[in-house]
Amino acid sequence: MPAKAPLHQETHLQILRLLQANPQINQRDLAAALGISLGKTNYCLKALVNKSLLKMQNFQNSQRKLAYAYLLTPAGLAEKAVLTSRFLKRKMQEYEQLKAEIESLQQEQQK
C-alpha cells in the first residue's frame, strides 16, 4: 500500500462524515472544513461519485442553479464504515506507540 493511501483514505472518510452530517454543504465550505484546496475537494468528490459512494442531487427549490446535495449511497455508507474501522485501528496503533515512547522518555528523565 502506498504511503499516501492512509492520508487519501482519511480525506475520503472526512468527506463522507461531513457530507453525512450536512449533505447540503457547498464545496467551498467543505474545503474549508477539511483544510484542503477547493480543487482537491472537487477532485475527491468526483472520485467518490465515480466510485458510486456519493450521488449528487440538485436542490428542488434552489435559487442557485449549481446548488447540490451530496448523498451517501448504500455503498458509501458501507465504505465509510470500512474506512472508520481502518482509521481507528491506525490511530490506536499510533496511540500505543506514542504511549510507549512517552513512558520511555519519562523513565530516562527519572534517571
N, C-alpha and C. Protein backbone atom coordinates (compact mmCIF):
# COMPACT_ATOMS: atom_id res chain seq x y z
N MET A 1 0.85 -1.18 0.00
CA MET A 1 0.00 0.00 0.00
C MET A 1 0.89 1.24 0.00
N PRO A 2 0.66 2.19 -0.90
CA PRO A 2 1.49 3.39 -0.94
C PRO A 2 1.40 4.20 0.34
N ALA A 3 2.44 4.99 0.60
CA ALA A 3 2.49 5.79 1.82
C ALA A 3 1.36 6.80 1.89
N LYS A 4 0.89 7.29 0.75
CA LYS A 4 -0.16 8.31 0.76
C LYS A 4 -1.55 7.71 0.94
N ALA A 5 -1.69 6.40 0.83
CA ALA A 5 -3.01 5.76 0.90
C ALA A 5 -3.76 6.10 2.19
N PRO A 6 -3.13 6.01 3.39
CA PRO A 6 -3.88 6.35 4.60
C PRO A 6 -4.37 7.81 4.60
N LEU A 7 -3.56 8.73 4.10
CA LEU A 7 -4.00 10.12 4.04
C LEU A 7 -5.15 10.28 3.05
N HIS A 8 -5.06 9.60 1.93
CA HIS A 8 -6.11 9.63 0.93
C HIS A 8 -7.40 9.06 1.52
N GLN A 9 -7.28 7.93 2.21
CA GLN A 9 -8.44 7.31 2.85
C GLN A 9 -9.01 8.21 3.94
N GLU A 10 -8.13 8.85 4.68
CA GLU A 10 -8.59 9.73 5.76
C GLU A 10 -9.37 10.92 5.19
N THR A 11 -8.90 11.47 4.07
CA THR A 11 -9.61 12.57 3.43
C THR A 11 -11.00 12.11 2.98
N HIS A 12 -11.05 10.93 2.36
CA HIS A 12 -12.35 10.41 1.92
C HIS A 12 -13.27 10.17 3.11
N LEU A 13 -12.72 9.64 4.20
CA LEU A 13 -13.52 9.42 5.40
C LEU A 13 -14.05 10.74 5.93
N GLN A 14 -13.20 11.76 6.01
CA GLN A 14 -13.65 13.07 6.50
C GLN A 14 -14.75 13.63 5.61
N ILE A 15 -14.60 13.49 4.31
CA ILE A 15 -15.62 13.98 3.38
C ILE A 15 -16.94 13.24 3.61
N LEU A 16 -16.87 11.92 3.69
CA LEU A 16 -18.09 11.14 3.89
C LEU A 16 -18.77 11.50 5.21
N ARG A 17 -17.98 11.70 6.26
CA ARG A 17 -18.55 12.07 7.56
C ARG A 17 -19.21 13.45 7.50
N LEU A 18 -18.52 14.41 6.90
CA LEU A 18 -19.08 15.76 6.81
C LEU A 18 -20.35 15.80 5.95
N LEU A 19 -20.33 15.06 4.84
CA LEU A 19 -21.49 15.06 3.96
C LEU A 19 -22.67 14.31 4.56
N GLN A 20 -22.40 13.29 5.35
CA GLN A 20 -23.50 12.59 6.00
C GLN A 20 -24.16 13.52 7.02
N ALA A 21 -23.37 14.32 7.71
CA ALA A 21 -23.89 15.26 8.69
C ALA A 21 -24.56 16.47 8.05
N ASN A 22 -24.04 16.89 6.88
CA ASN A 22 -24.56 18.10 6.23
C ASN A 22 -24.52 17.93 4.71
N PRO A 23 -25.49 17.21 4.13
CA PRO A 23 -25.47 16.92 2.70
C PRO A 23 -25.53 18.16 1.80
N GLN A 24 -26.00 19.28 2.32
CA GLN A 24 -26.17 20.48 1.50
C GLN A 24 -24.99 21.43 1.58
N ILE A 25 -23.91 21.02 2.24
CA ILE A 25 -22.72 21.87 2.34
C ILE A 25 -22.15 22.11 0.94
N ASN A 26 -21.71 23.32 0.69
CA ASN A 26 -21.13 23.58 -0.64
C ASN A 26 -19.64 23.22 -0.63
N GLN A 27 -19.08 23.12 -1.82
CA GLN A 27 -17.69 22.68 -1.94
C GLN A 27 -16.72 23.63 -1.25
N ARG A 28 -16.98 24.90 -1.30
CA ARG A 28 -16.09 25.88 -0.67
C ARG A 28 -16.06 25.68 0.85
N ASP A 29 -17.24 25.49 1.44
CA ASP A 29 -17.30 25.28 2.89
C ASP A 29 -16.72 23.91 3.27
N LEU A 30 -16.93 22.93 2.42
CA LEU A 30 -16.36 21.61 2.65
C LEU A 30 -14.84 21.68 2.62
N ALA A 31 -14.29 22.38 1.64
CA ALA A 31 -12.84 22.56 1.54
C ALA A 31 -12.29 23.24 2.79
N ALA A 32 -12.98 24.27 3.25
CA ALA A 32 -12.53 24.98 4.45
C ALA A 32 -12.57 24.07 5.68
N ALA A 33 -13.63 23.27 5.80
CA ALA A 33 -13.75 22.36 6.94
C ALA A 33 -12.66 21.29 6.92
N LEU A 34 -12.26 20.88 5.73
CA LEU A 34 -11.24 19.85 5.58
C LEU A 34 -9.82 20.41 5.64
N GLY A 35 -9.69 21.72 5.40
CA GLY A 35 -8.37 22.34 5.36
C GLY A 35 -7.60 21.98 4.10
N ILE A 36 -8.34 21.77 3.00
CA ILE A 36 -7.70 21.45 1.72
C ILE A 36 -8.21 22.43 0.67
N SER A 37 -7.57 22.42 -0.50
CA SER A 37 -7.95 23.35 -1.55
C SER A 37 -9.31 22.98 -2.15
N LEU A 38 -9.94 23.96 -2.76
CA LEU A 38 -11.20 23.74 -3.44
C LEU A 38 -11.03 22.74 -4.58
N GLY A 39 -9.92 22.82 -5.30
CA GLY A 39 -9.64 21.90 -6.39
C GLY A 39 -9.52 20.46 -5.91
N LYS A 40 -8.81 20.26 -4.79
CA LYS A 40 -8.67 18.91 -4.24
C LYS A 40 -10.03 18.40 -3.76
N THR A 41 -10.82 19.27 -3.18
CA THR A 41 -12.15 18.89 -2.72
C THR A 41 -12.99 18.43 -3.91
N ASN A 42 -12.97 19.21 -4.99
CA ASN A 42 -13.72 18.85 -6.19
C ASN A 42 -13.25 17.52 -6.74
N TYR A 43 -11.95 17.33 -6.78
CA TYR A 43 -11.36 16.08 -7.28
C TYR A 43 -11.84 14.89 -6.44
N CYS A 44 -11.80 15.03 -5.12
CA CYS A 44 -12.21 13.95 -4.22
C CYS A 44 -13.70 13.65 -4.36
N LEU A 45 -14.51 14.71 -4.47
CA LEU A 45 -15.95 14.50 -4.64
C LEU A 45 -16.24 13.75 -5.94
N LYS A 46 -15.57 14.13 -7.02
CA LYS A 46 -15.76 13.43 -8.29
C LYS A 46 -15.34 11.97 -8.17
N ALA A 47 -14.25 11.70 -7.47
CA ALA A 47 -13.79 10.32 -7.29
C ALA A 47 -14.82 9.51 -6.51
N LEU A 48 -15.40 10.11 -5.47
CA LEU A 48 -16.40 9.41 -4.68
C LEU A 48 -17.68 9.17 -5.47
N VAL A 49 -18.05 10.13 -6.31
CA VAL A 49 -19.21 9.95 -7.19
C VAL A 49 -18.92 8.85 -8.20
N ASN A 50 -17.73 8.87 -8.80
CA ASN A 50 -17.35 7.85 -9.79
C ASN A 50 -17.31 6.45 -9.19
N LYS A 51 -16.98 6.34 -7.90
CA LYS A 51 -16.96 5.05 -7.22
C LYS A 51 -18.36 4.66 -6.73
N SER A 52 -19.36 5.48 -7.03
CA SER A 52 -20.75 5.27 -6.60
C SER A 52 -20.90 5.28 -5.09
N LEU A 53 -20.03 6.03 -4.40
CA LEU A 53 -20.14 6.17 -2.95
C LEU A 53 -20.98 7.39 -2.58
N LEU A 54 -21.09 8.33 -3.52
CA LEU A 54 -21.89 9.54 -3.35
C LEU A 54 -22.73 9.73 -4.59
N LYS A 55 -23.86 10.38 -4.40
CA LYS A 55 -24.61 10.86 -5.56
C LYS A 55 -24.93 12.32 -5.32
N MET A 56 -24.95 13.06 -6.42
CA MET A 56 -25.27 14.48 -6.34
C MET A 56 -26.72 14.66 -6.76
N GLN A 57 -27.40 15.51 -6.02
CA GLN A 57 -28.80 15.76 -6.32
C GLN A 57 -29.02 17.27 -6.30
N ASN A 58 -29.67 17.79 -7.34
CA ASN A 58 -30.00 19.22 -7.38
C ASN A 58 -31.02 19.54 -6.29
N PHE A 59 -30.86 20.72 -5.69
CA PHE A 59 -31.87 21.19 -4.76
C PHE A 59 -33.14 21.49 -5.55
N GLN A 60 -34.26 21.11 -5.04
CA GLN A 60 -35.51 21.35 -5.74
C GLN A 60 -35.89 22.82 -5.77
N ASN A 61 -35.74 23.51 -4.65
CA ASN A 61 -36.19 24.90 -4.54
C ASN A 61 -35.04 25.89 -4.48
N SER A 62 -33.95 25.54 -5.10
CA SER A 62 -32.78 26.40 -5.02
C SER A 62 -32.88 27.58 -5.98
N GLN A 63 -32.48 28.74 -5.51
CA GLN A 63 -32.38 29.92 -6.37
C GLN A 63 -31.09 29.86 -7.18
N ARG A 64 -30.11 29.10 -6.66
CA ARG A 64 -28.82 28.97 -7.34
C ARG A 64 -28.85 27.71 -8.20
N LYS A 65 -28.48 27.83 -9.44
CA LYS A 65 -28.55 26.69 -10.35
C LYS A 65 -27.51 25.62 -10.03
N LEU A 66 -26.43 25.95 -9.31
CA LEU A 66 -25.38 24.99 -9.03
C LEU A 66 -25.45 24.44 -7.61
N ALA A 67 -26.59 24.52 -6.98
CA ALA A 67 -26.72 24.02 -5.61
C ALA A 67 -27.04 22.53 -5.64
N TYR A 68 -26.22 21.75 -4.93
CA TYR A 68 -26.38 20.30 -4.90
C TYR A 68 -26.41 19.81 -3.47
N ALA A 69 -27.03 18.66 -3.30
CA ALA A 69 -26.91 17.91 -2.06
C ALA A 69 -26.07 16.69 -2.39
N TYR A 70 -25.15 16.35 -1.54
CA TYR A 70 -24.31 15.18 -1.72
C TYR A 70 -24.83 14.10 -0.77
N LEU A 71 -25.33 13.03 -1.34
CA LEU A 71 -25.95 11.97 -0.55
C LEU A 71 -25.11 10.71 -0.60
N LEU A 72 -24.86 10.11 0.56
CA LEU A 72 -24.13 8.86 0.60
C LEU A 72 -25.04 7.75 0.09
N THR A 73 -24.49 6.93 -0.78
CA THR A 73 -25.21 5.77 -1.29
C THR A 73 -25.06 4.63 -0.27
N PRO A 74 -25.79 3.54 -0.42
CA PRO A 74 -25.56 2.40 0.47
C PRO A 74 -24.10 1.93 0.42
N ALA A 75 -23.50 1.95 -0.78
CA ALA A 75 -22.08 1.59 -0.90
C ALA A 75 -21.22 2.62 -0.17
N GLY A 76 -21.62 3.89 -0.21
CA GLY A 76 -20.89 4.94 0.50
C GLY A 76 -20.95 4.75 2.01
N LEU A 77 -22.10 4.36 2.51
CA LEU A 77 -22.24 4.10 3.95
C LEU A 77 -21.37 2.90 4.36
N ALA A 78 -21.35 1.87 3.52
CA ALA A 78 -20.52 0.70 3.81
C ALA A 78 -19.03 1.07 3.78
N GLU A 79 -18.63 1.85 2.78
CA GLU A 79 -17.23 2.27 2.67
C GLU A 79 -16.84 3.16 3.84
N LYS A 80 -17.74 4.00 4.29
CA LYS A 80 -17.49 4.85 5.46
C LYS A 80 -17.21 3.99 6.68
N ALA A 81 -17.97 2.91 6.85
CA ALA A 81 -17.76 2.00 7.98
C ALA A 81 -16.39 1.33 7.89
N VAL A 82 -16.01 0.90 6.69
CA VAL A 82 -14.69 0.26 6.49
C VAL A 82 -13.58 1.26 6.77
N LEU A 83 -13.70 2.46 6.22
CA LEU A 83 -12.67 3.49 6.43
C LEU A 83 -12.58 3.89 7.90
N THR A 84 -13.71 3.95 8.58
CA THR A 84 -13.71 4.28 10.00
C THR A 84 -12.98 3.22 10.79
N SER A 85 -13.22 1.97 10.48
CA SER A 85 -12.54 0.87 11.16
C SER A 85 -11.03 0.93 10.95
N ARG A 86 -10.60 1.16 9.71
CA ARG A 86 -9.16 1.27 9.41
C ARG A 86 -8.55 2.46 10.13
N PHE A 87 -9.27 3.58 10.13
CA PHE A 87 -8.79 4.79 10.78
C PHE A 87 -8.60 4.55 12.27
N LEU A 88 -9.59 3.92 12.91
CA LEU A 88 -9.49 3.64 14.35
C LEU A 88 -8.34 2.70 14.65
N LYS A 89 -8.16 1.67 13.83
CA LYS A 89 -7.07 0.73 14.04
C LYS A 89 -5.72 1.44 13.93
N ARG A 90 -5.57 2.28 12.90
CA ARG A 90 -4.32 3.01 12.70
C ARG A 90 -4.06 3.98 13.85
N LYS A 91 -5.09 4.69 14.29
CA LYS A 91 -4.92 5.65 15.39
C LYS A 91 -4.63 4.96 16.71
N MET A 92 -5.21 3.78 16.93
CA MET A 92 -4.91 3.04 18.16
C MET A 92 -3.46 2.57 18.15
N GLN A 93 -2.95 2.15 16.98
CA GLN A 93 -1.54 1.76 16.88
C GLN A 93 -0.63 2.96 17.16
N GLU A 94 -0.99 4.11 16.58
CA GLU A 94 -0.21 5.32 16.82
C GLU A 94 -0.24 5.70 18.30
N TYR A 95 -1.40 5.55 18.92
CA TYR A 95 -1.55 5.86 20.34
C TYR A 95 -0.65 4.95 21.19
N GLU A 96 -0.66 3.66 20.89
CA GLU A 96 0.15 2.71 21.66
C GLU A 96 1.64 3.02 21.49
N GLN A 97 2.06 3.37 20.27
CA GLN A 97 3.46 3.72 20.03
C GLN A 97 3.84 4.99 20.77
N LEU A 98 2.97 5.97 20.73
CA LEU A 98 3.23 7.23 21.43
C LEU A 98 3.27 7.02 22.94
N LYS A 99 2.36 6.22 23.44
CA LYS A 99 2.32 5.93 24.87
C LYS A 99 3.62 5.25 25.31
N ALA A 100 4.10 4.29 24.52
CA ALA A 100 5.36 3.61 24.85
C ALA A 100 6.53 4.58 24.81
N GLU A 101 6.54 5.48 23.84
CA GLU A 101 7.62 6.46 23.74
C GLU A 101 7.60 7.43 24.92
N ILE A 102 6.43 7.85 25.33
CA ILE A 102 6.31 8.75 26.49
C ILE A 102 6.80 8.05 27.75
N GLU A 103 6.41 6.80 27.93
CA GLU A 103 6.86 6.06 29.11
C GLU A 103 8.38 5.90 29.11
N SER A 104 8.95 5.65 27.94
CA SER A 104 10.40 5.52 27.82
C SER A 104 11.09 6.84 28.18
N LEU A 105 10.56 7.94 27.66
CA LEU A 105 11.14 9.25 27.95
C LEU A 105 11.02 9.60 29.43
N GLN A 106 9.90 9.24 30.03
CA GLN A 106 9.73 9.50 31.47
C GLN A 106 10.72 8.70 32.30
N GLN A 107 10.98 7.47 31.89
CA GLN A 107 11.96 6.65 32.60
C GLN A 107 13.36 7.23 32.46
N GLU A 108 13.69 7.69 31.26
CA GLU A 108 15.00 8.32 31.03
C GLU A 108 15.16 9.57 31.89
N GLN A 109 14.10 10.33 31.99
CA GLN A 109 14.16 11.60 32.74
C GLN A 109 14.35 11.34 34.24
N GLN A 110 13.84 10.25 34.73
CA GLN A 110 13.94 9.93 36.16
C GLN A 110 15.33 9.42 36.54
N LYS A 111 16.12 9.04 35.56
CA LYS A 111 17.47 8.51 35.84
C LYS A 111 18.46 9.59 36.11
